[in-house]
PDB file of N, CA and C in Angstrom:
ATOM      1  N   MET A   1      10.028 -16.704 -43.472  1.00  0.00           N
ATOM      2  CA  MET A   1       9.862 -15.443 -44.175  1.00  0.00           C
ATOM      3  C   MET A   1       8.454 -14.917 -43.912  1.00  0.00           C
ATOM      4  N   ALA A   2       8.342 -13.668 -43.621  1.00  0.00           N
ATOM      5  CA  ALA A   2       7.057 -13.044 -43.336  1.00  0.00           C
ATOM      6  C   ALA A   2       6.230 -12.919 -44.617  1.00  0.00           C
ATOM      7  N   HIS A   3       4.921 -12.959 -44.453  1.00  0.00           N
ATOM      8  CA  HIS A   3       4.005 -12.781 -45.581  1.00  0.00           C
ATOM      9  C   HIS A   3       4.156 -11.363 -46.128  1.00  0.00           C
ATOM     10  N   ARG A   4       4.266 -11.255 -47.440  1.00  0.00           N
ATOM     11  CA  ARG A   4       4.413  -9.939 -48.067  1.00  0.00           C
ATOM     12  C   ARG A   4       3.160  -9.620 -48.866  1.00  0.00           C
ATOM     13  N   CYS A   5       2.650  -8.445 -48.694  1.00  0.00           N
ATOM     14  CA  CYS A   5       1.443  -7.991 -49.376  1.00  0.00           C
ATOM     15  C   CYS A   5       1.745  -7.750 -50.858  1.00  0.00           C
ATOM     16  N   ARG A   6       1.006  -8.416 -51.742  1.00  0.00           N
ATOM     17  CA  ARG A   6       1.233  -8.239 -53.178  1.00  0.00           C
ATOM     18  C   ARG A   6       0.909  -6.834 -53.637  1.00  0.00           C
ATOM     19  N   ILE A   7      -0.094  -6.231 -53.033  1.00  0.00           N
ATOM     20  CA  ILE A   7      -0.461  -4.870 -53.421  1.00  0.00           C
ATOM     21  C   ILE A   7       0.674  -3.908 -53.091  1.00  0.00           C
ATOM     22  N   CYS A   8       1.253  -4.078 -51.916  1.00  0.00           N
ATOM     23  CA  CYS A   8       2.303  -3.163 -51.449  1.00  0.00           C
ATOM     24  C   CYS A   8       3.641  -3.388 -52.143  1.00  0.00           C
ATOM     25  N   THR A   9       3.884  -4.595 -52.626  1.00  0.00           N
ATOM     26  CA  THR A   9       5.205  -4.921 -53.155  1.00  0.00           C
ATOM     27  C   THR A   9       5.242  -5.123 -54.668  1.00  0.00           C
ATOM     28  N   THR A  10       4.111  -4.966 -55.349  1.00  0.00           N
ATOM     29  CA  THR A  10       4.098  -5.235 -56.788  1.00  0.00           C
ATOM     30  C   THR A  10       4.933  -4.220 -57.568  1.00  0.00           C
ATOM     31  N   ASN A  11       5.578  -4.711 -58.602  1.00  0.00           N
ATOM     32  CA  ASN A  11       6.282  -3.856 -59.555  1.00  0.00           C
ATOM     33  C   ASN A  11       5.471  -3.720 -60.842  1.00  0.00           C
ATOM     34  N   ASP A  12       4.342  -4.443 -60.895  1.00  0.00           N
ATOM     35  CA  ASP A  12       3.504  -4.469 -62.095  1.00  0.00           C
ATOM     36  C   ASP A  12       2.042  -4.308 -61.684  1.00  0.00           C
ATOM     37  N   LEU A  13       1.649  -3.074 -61.405  1.00  0.00           N
ATOM     38  CA  LEU A  13       0.288  -2.812 -60.945  1.00  0.00           C
ATOM     39  C   LEU A  13      -0.743  -3.215 -61.998  1.00  0.00           C
ATOM     40  N   GLU A  14      -0.479  -2.926 -63.265  1.00  0.00           N
ATOM     41  CA  GLU A  14      -1.425  -3.294 -64.327  1.00  0.00           C
ATOM     42  C   GLU A  14      -1.595  -4.808 -64.410  1.00  0.00           C
ATOM     43  N   GLY A  15      -0.503  -5.539 -64.245  1.00  0.00           N
ATOM     44  CA  GLY A  15      -0.585  -7.000 -64.247  1.00  0.00           C
ATOM     45  C   GLY A  15      -1.405  -7.520 -63.083  1.00  0.00           C
ATOM     46  N   LEU A  16      -1.232  -6.907 -61.920  1.00  0.00           N
ATOM     47  CA  LEU A  16      -2.000  -7.294 -60.738  1.00  0.00           C
ATOM     48  C   LEU A  16      -3.481  -6.981 -60.944  1.00  0.00           C
ATOM     49  N   ILE A  17      -3.782  -5.833 -61.540  1.00  0.00           N
ATOM     50  CA  ILE A  17      -5.172  -5.474 -61.836  1.00  0.00           C
ATOM     51  C   ILE A  17      -5.782  -6.490 -62.793  1.00  0.00           C
ATOM     52  N   ASP A  18      -5.052  -6.856 -63.845  1.00  0.00           N
ATOM     53  CA  ASP A  18      -5.562  -7.840 -64.804  1.00  0.00           C
ATOM     54  C   ASP A  18      -5.810  -9.192 -64.135  1.00  0.00           C
ATOM     55  N   GLU A  19      -4.886  -9.620 -63.287  1.00  0.00           N
ATOM     56  CA  GLU A  19      -5.052 -10.905 -62.603  1.00  0.00           C
ATOM     57  C   GLU A  19      -6.266 -10.880 -61.681  1.00  0.00           C
ATOM     58  N   LEU A  20      -6.434  -9.807 -60.931  1.00  0.00           N
ATOM     59  CA  LEU A  20      -7.579  -9.698 -60.030  1.00  0.00           C
ATOM     60  C   LEU A  20      -8.883  -9.631 -60.823  1.00  0.00           C
ATOM     61  N   ALA A  21      -8.898  -8.881 -61.920  1.00  0.00           N
ATOM     62  CA  ALA A  21     -10.101  -8.789 -62.759  1.00  0.00           C
ATOM     63  C   ALA A  21     -10.501 -10.164 -63.279  1.00  0.00           C
ATOM     64  N   GLU A  22      -9.524 -10.936 -63.741  1.00  0.00           N
ATOM     65  CA  GLU A  22      -9.809 -12.286 -64.237  1.00  0.00           C
ATOM     66  C   GLU A  22     -10.354 -13.172 -63.122  1.00  0.00           C
ATOM     67  N   ARG A  23      -9.744 -13.113 -61.960  1.00  0.00           N
ATOM     68  CA  ARG A  23     -10.228 -13.929 -60.838  1.00  0.00           C
ATOM     69  C   ARG A  23     -11.633 -13.515 -60.413  1.00  0.00           C
ATOM     70  N   MET A  24     -11.909 -12.212 -60.444  1.00  0.00           N
ATOM     71  CA  MET A  24     -13.252 -11.738 -60.106  1.00  0.00           C
ATOM     72  C   MET A  24     -14.265 -12.254 -61.129  1.00  0.00           C
ATOM     73  N   TRP A  25     -13.918 -12.178 -62.406  1.00  0.00           N
ATOM     74  CA  TRP A  25     -14.792 -12.675 -63.473  1.00  0.00           C
ATOM     75  C   TRP A  25     -15.058 -14.163 -63.285  1.00  0.00           C
ATOM     76  N   GLU A  26     -14.006 -14.928 -63.091  1.00  0.00           N
ATOM     77  CA  GLU A  26     -14.150 -16.377 -62.948  1.00  0.00           C
ATOM     78  C   GLU A  26     -14.968 -16.749 -61.717  1.00  0.00           C
ATOM     79  N   SER A  27     -14.875 -15.966 -60.658  1.00  0.00           N
ATOM     80  CA  SER A  27     -15.602 -16.298 -59.428  1.00  0.00           C
ATOM     81  C   SER A  27     -17.085 -15.943 -59.522  1.00  0.00           C
ATOM     82  N   ARG A  28     -17.455 -15.022 -60.397  1.00  0.00           N
ATOM     83  CA  ARG A  28     -18.835 -14.538 -60.437  1.00  0.00           C
ATOM     84  C   ARG A  28     -19.666 -15.101 -61.582  1.00  0.00           C
ATOM     85  N   ARG A  29     -19.052 -15.600 -62.610  1.00  0.00           N
ATOM     86  CA  ARG A  29     -19.850 -16.043 -63.756  1.00  0.00           C
ATOM     87  C   ARG A  29     -20.584 -17.337 -63.442  1.00  0.00           C
ATOM     88  N   ASP A  30     -21.741 -17.493 -64.030  1.00  0.00           N
ATOM     89  CA  ASP A  30     -22.536 -18.707 -63.883  1.00  0.00           C
ATOM     90  C   ASP A  30     -22.130 -19.643 -65.020  1.00  0.00           C
ATOM     91  N   ARG A  31     -21.444 -20.688 -64.704  1.00  0.00           N
ATOM     92  CA  ARG A  31     -20.906 -21.576 -65.731  1.00  0.00           C
ATOM     93  C   ARG A  31     -21.997 -22.285 -66.536  1.00  0.00           C
ATOM     94  N   GLU A  32     -23.202 -22.375 -66.001  1.00  0.00           N
ATOM     95  CA  GLU A  32     -24.301 -22.990 -66.741  1.00  0.00           C
ATOM     96  C   GLU A  32     -24.883 -22.019 -67.769  1.00  0.00           C
ATOM     97  N   ILE A  33     -24.997 -20.753 -67.389  1.00  0.00           N
ATOM     98  CA  ILE A  33     -25.598 -19.750 -68.265  1.00  0.00           C
ATOM     99  C   ILE A  33     -24.543 -19.086 -69.139  1.00  0.00           C
ATOM    100  N   ASP A  34     -23.385 -18.785 -68.567  1.00  0.00           N
ATOM    101  CA  ASP A  34     -22.323 -18.054 -69.256  1.00  0.00           C
ATOM    102  C   ASP A  34     -21.016 -18.821 -69.129  1.00  0.00           C
ATOM    103  N   PRO A  35     -20.804 -19.789 -70.012  1.00  0.00           N
ATOM    104  CA  PRO A  35     -19.601 -20.616 -69.887  1.00  0.00           C
ATOM    105  C   PRO A  35     -18.316 -19.946 -70.372  1.00  0.00           C
ATOM    106  N   GLY A  36     -18.406 -18.713 -70.861  1.00  0.00           N
ATOM    107  CA  GLY A  36     -17.242 -18.039 -71.421  1.00  0.00           C
ATOM    108  C   GLY A  36     -16.142 -17.776 -70.408  1.00  0.00           C
ATOM    109  N   LYS A  37     -14.920 -17.959 -70.848  1.00  0.00           N
ATOM    110  CA  LYS A  37     -13.760 -17.677 -70.007  1.00  0.00           C
ATOM    111  C   LYS A  37     -13.399 -16.198 -70.137  1.00  0.00           C
ATOM    112  N   TRP A  38     -12.472 -15.752 -69.286  1.00  0.00           N
ATOM    113  CA  TRP A  38     -12.046 -14.351 -69.260  1.00  0.00           C
ATOM    114  C   TRP A  38     -11.605 -13.878 -70.643  1.00  0.00           C
ATOM    115  N   GLU A  39     -10.827 -14.690 -71.350  1.00  0.00           N
ATOM    116  CA  GLU A  39     -10.331 -14.295 -72.676  1.00  0.00           C
ATOM    117  C   GLU A  39     -11.476 -14.018 -73.645  1.00  0.00           C
ATOM    118  N   ASP A  40     -12.619 -14.694 -73.427  1.00  0.00           N
ATOM    119  CA  ASP A  40     -13.759 -14.560 -74.324  1.00  0.00           C
ATOM    120  C   ASP A  40     -14.800 -13.560 -73.823  1.00  0.00           C
ATOM    121  N   ALA A  41     -14.558 -12.968 -72.670  1.00  0.00           N
ATOM    122  CA  ALA A  41     -15.519 -12.006 -72.115  1.00  0.00           C
ATOM    123  C   ALA A  41     -15.608 -10.797 -73.043  1.00  0.00           C
ATOM    124  N   PRO A  42     -16.809 -10.263 -73.218  1.00  0.00           N
ATOM    125  CA  PRO A  42     -16.951  -9.069 -74.057  1.00  0.00           C
ATOM    126  C   PRO A  42     -16.095  -7.917 -73.520  1.00  0.00           C
ATOM    127  N   PRO A  43     -15.602  -7.061 -74.413  1.00  0.00           N
ATOM    128  CA  PRO A  43     -14.747  -5.944 -73.991  1.00  0.00           C
ATOM    129  C   PRO A  43     -15.362  -5.090 -72.882  1.00  0.00           C
ATOM    130  N   TYR A  44     -16.686  -4.880 -72.937  1.00  0.00           N
ATOM    131  CA  TYR A  44     -17.337  -4.091 -71.886  1.00  0.00           C
ATOM    132  C   TYR A  44     -17.100  -4.712 -70.516  1.00  0.00           C
ATOM    133  N   TRP A  45     -17.277  -6.030 -70.416  1.00  0.00           N
ATOM    134  CA  TRP A  45     -17.128  -6.699 -69.123  1.00  0.00           C
ATOM    135  C   TRP A  45     -15.678  -6.757 -68.677  1.00  0.00           C
ATOM    136  N   GLN A  46     -14.748  -6.899 -69.618  1.00  0.00           N
ATOM    137  CA  GLN A  46     -13.329  -6.855 -69.239  1.00  0.00           C
ATOM    138  C   GLN A  46     -12.988  -5.476 -68.680  1.00  0.00           C
ATOM    139  N   MET A  47     -13.487  -4.417 -69.332  1.00  0.00           N
ATOM    140  CA  MET A  47     -13.238  -3.061 -68.852  1.00  0.00           C
ATOM    141  C   MET A  47     -13.872  -2.856 -67.473  1.00  0.00           C
ATOM    142  N   ALA A  48     -15.107  -3.325 -67.304  1.00  0.00           N
ATOM    143  CA  ALA A  48     -15.797  -3.162 -66.024  1.00  0.00           C
ATOM    144  C   ALA A  48     -15.065  -3.900 -64.908  1.00  0.00           C
ATOM    145  N   MET A  49     -14.649  -5.138 -65.166  1.00  0.00           N
ATOM    146  CA  MET A  49     -13.963  -5.913 -64.130  1.00  0.00           C
ATOM    147  C   MET A  49     -12.599  -5.306 -63.802  1.00  0.00           C
ATOM    148  N   ARG A  50     -11.897  -4.778 -64.804  1.00  0.00           N
ATOM    149  CA  ARG A  50     -10.625  -4.102 -64.525  1.00  0.00           C
ATOM    150  C   ARG A  50     -10.856  -2.857 -63.670  1.00  0.00           C
ATOM    151  N   GLY A  51     -11.945  -2.150 -63.932  1.00  0.00           N
ATOM    152  CA  GLY A  51     -12.285  -0.985 -63.111  1.00  0.00           C
ATOM    153  C   GLY A  51     -12.565  -1.383 -61.673  1.00  0.00           C
ATOM    154  N   PHE A  52     -13.347  -2.450 -61.485  1.00  0.00           N
ATOM    155  CA  PHE A  52     -13.626  -2.943 -60.131  1.00  0.00           C
ATOM    156  C   PHE A  52     -12.334  -3.370 -59.440  1.00  0.00           C
ATOM    157  N   ALA A  53     -11.480  -4.079 -60.176  1.00  0.00           N
ATOM    158  CA  ALA A  53     -10.219  -4.556 -59.599  1.00  0.00           C
ATOM    159  C   ALA A  53      -9.323  -3.383 -59.212  1.00  0.00           C
ATOM    160  N   SER A  54      -9.237  -2.382 -60.079  1.00  0.00           N
ATOM    161  CA  SER A  54      -8.401  -1.218 -59.797  1.00  0.00           C
ATOM    162  C   SER A  54      -8.877  -0.493 -58.546  1.00  0.00           C
ATOM    163  N   GLU A  55     -10.181  -0.278 -58.438  1.00  0.00           N
ATOM    164  CA  GLU A  55     -10.727   0.410 -57.262  1.00  0.00           C
ATOM    165  C   GLU A  55     -10.545  -0.426 -55.997  1.00  0.00           C
ATOM    166  N   THR A  56     -10.669  -1.734 -56.116  1.00  0.00           N
ATOM    167  CA  THR A  56     -10.462  -2.617 -54.962  1.00  0.00           C
ATOM    168  C   THR A  56      -9.026  -2.520 -54.471  1.00  0.00           C
ATOM    169  N   ILE A  57      -8.077  -2.554 -55.399  1.00  0.00           N
ATOM    170  CA  ILE A  57      -6.664  -2.456 -55.032  1.00  0.00           C
ATOM    171  C   ILE A  57      -6.366  -1.103 -54.394  1.00  0.00           C
ATOM    172  N   LYS A  58      -6.921  -0.032 -54.951  1.00  0.00           N
ATOM    173  CA  LYS A  58      -6.721   1.299 -54.355  1.00  0.00           C
ATOM    174  C   LYS A  58      -7.260   1.342 -52.932  1.00  0.00           C
ATOM    175  N   MET A  59      -8.462   0.816 -52.726  1.00  0.00           N
ATOM    176  CA  MET A  59      -9.086   0.830 -51.408  1.00  0.00           C
ATOM    177  C   MET A  59      -8.268   0.008 -50.411  1.00  0.00           C
ATOM    178  N   LEU A  60      -7.838  -1.171 -50.819  1.00  0.00           N
ATOM    179  CA  LEU A  60      -7.056  -2.017 -49.917  1.00  0.00           C
ATOM    180  C   LEU A  60      -5.666  -1.443 -49.663  1.00  0.00           C
ATOM    181  N   GLY A  61      -5.079  -0.823 -50.675  1.00  0.00           N
ATOM    182  CA  GLY A  61      -3.753  -0.239 -50.522  1.00  0.00           C
ATOM    183  C   GLY A  61      -3.732   0.970 -49.607  1.00  0.00           C
ATOM    184  N   ASP A  62      -4.827   1.720 -49.609  1.00  0.00           N
ATOM    185  CA  ASP A  62      -4.917   2.905 -48.749  1.00  0.00           C
ATOM    186  C   ASP A  62      -5.333   2.549 -47.336  1.00  0.00           C
ATOM    187  N   GLY A  63      -5.818   1.329 -47.178  1.00  0.00           N
ATOM    188  CA  GLY A  63      -6.395   0.781 -46.007  1.00  0.00           C
ATOM    189  C   GLY A  63      -6.024   1.101 -44.694  1.00  0.00           C
TER     190      GLY A  63
END
């Protein structure tokens, strides 16, 4: 089976944005200074990461 692009084939864009935002948060946080998980991230940072994820998906989808 050929590899299928999740961006191109998703039926749940908001879910994909949330998943990407969480992965971006987890990849960038300093676990020594900021041990908080995505669920505990302040609302500002959740909103910011969702914005980054949304723009990333748009850019890659238009690619």
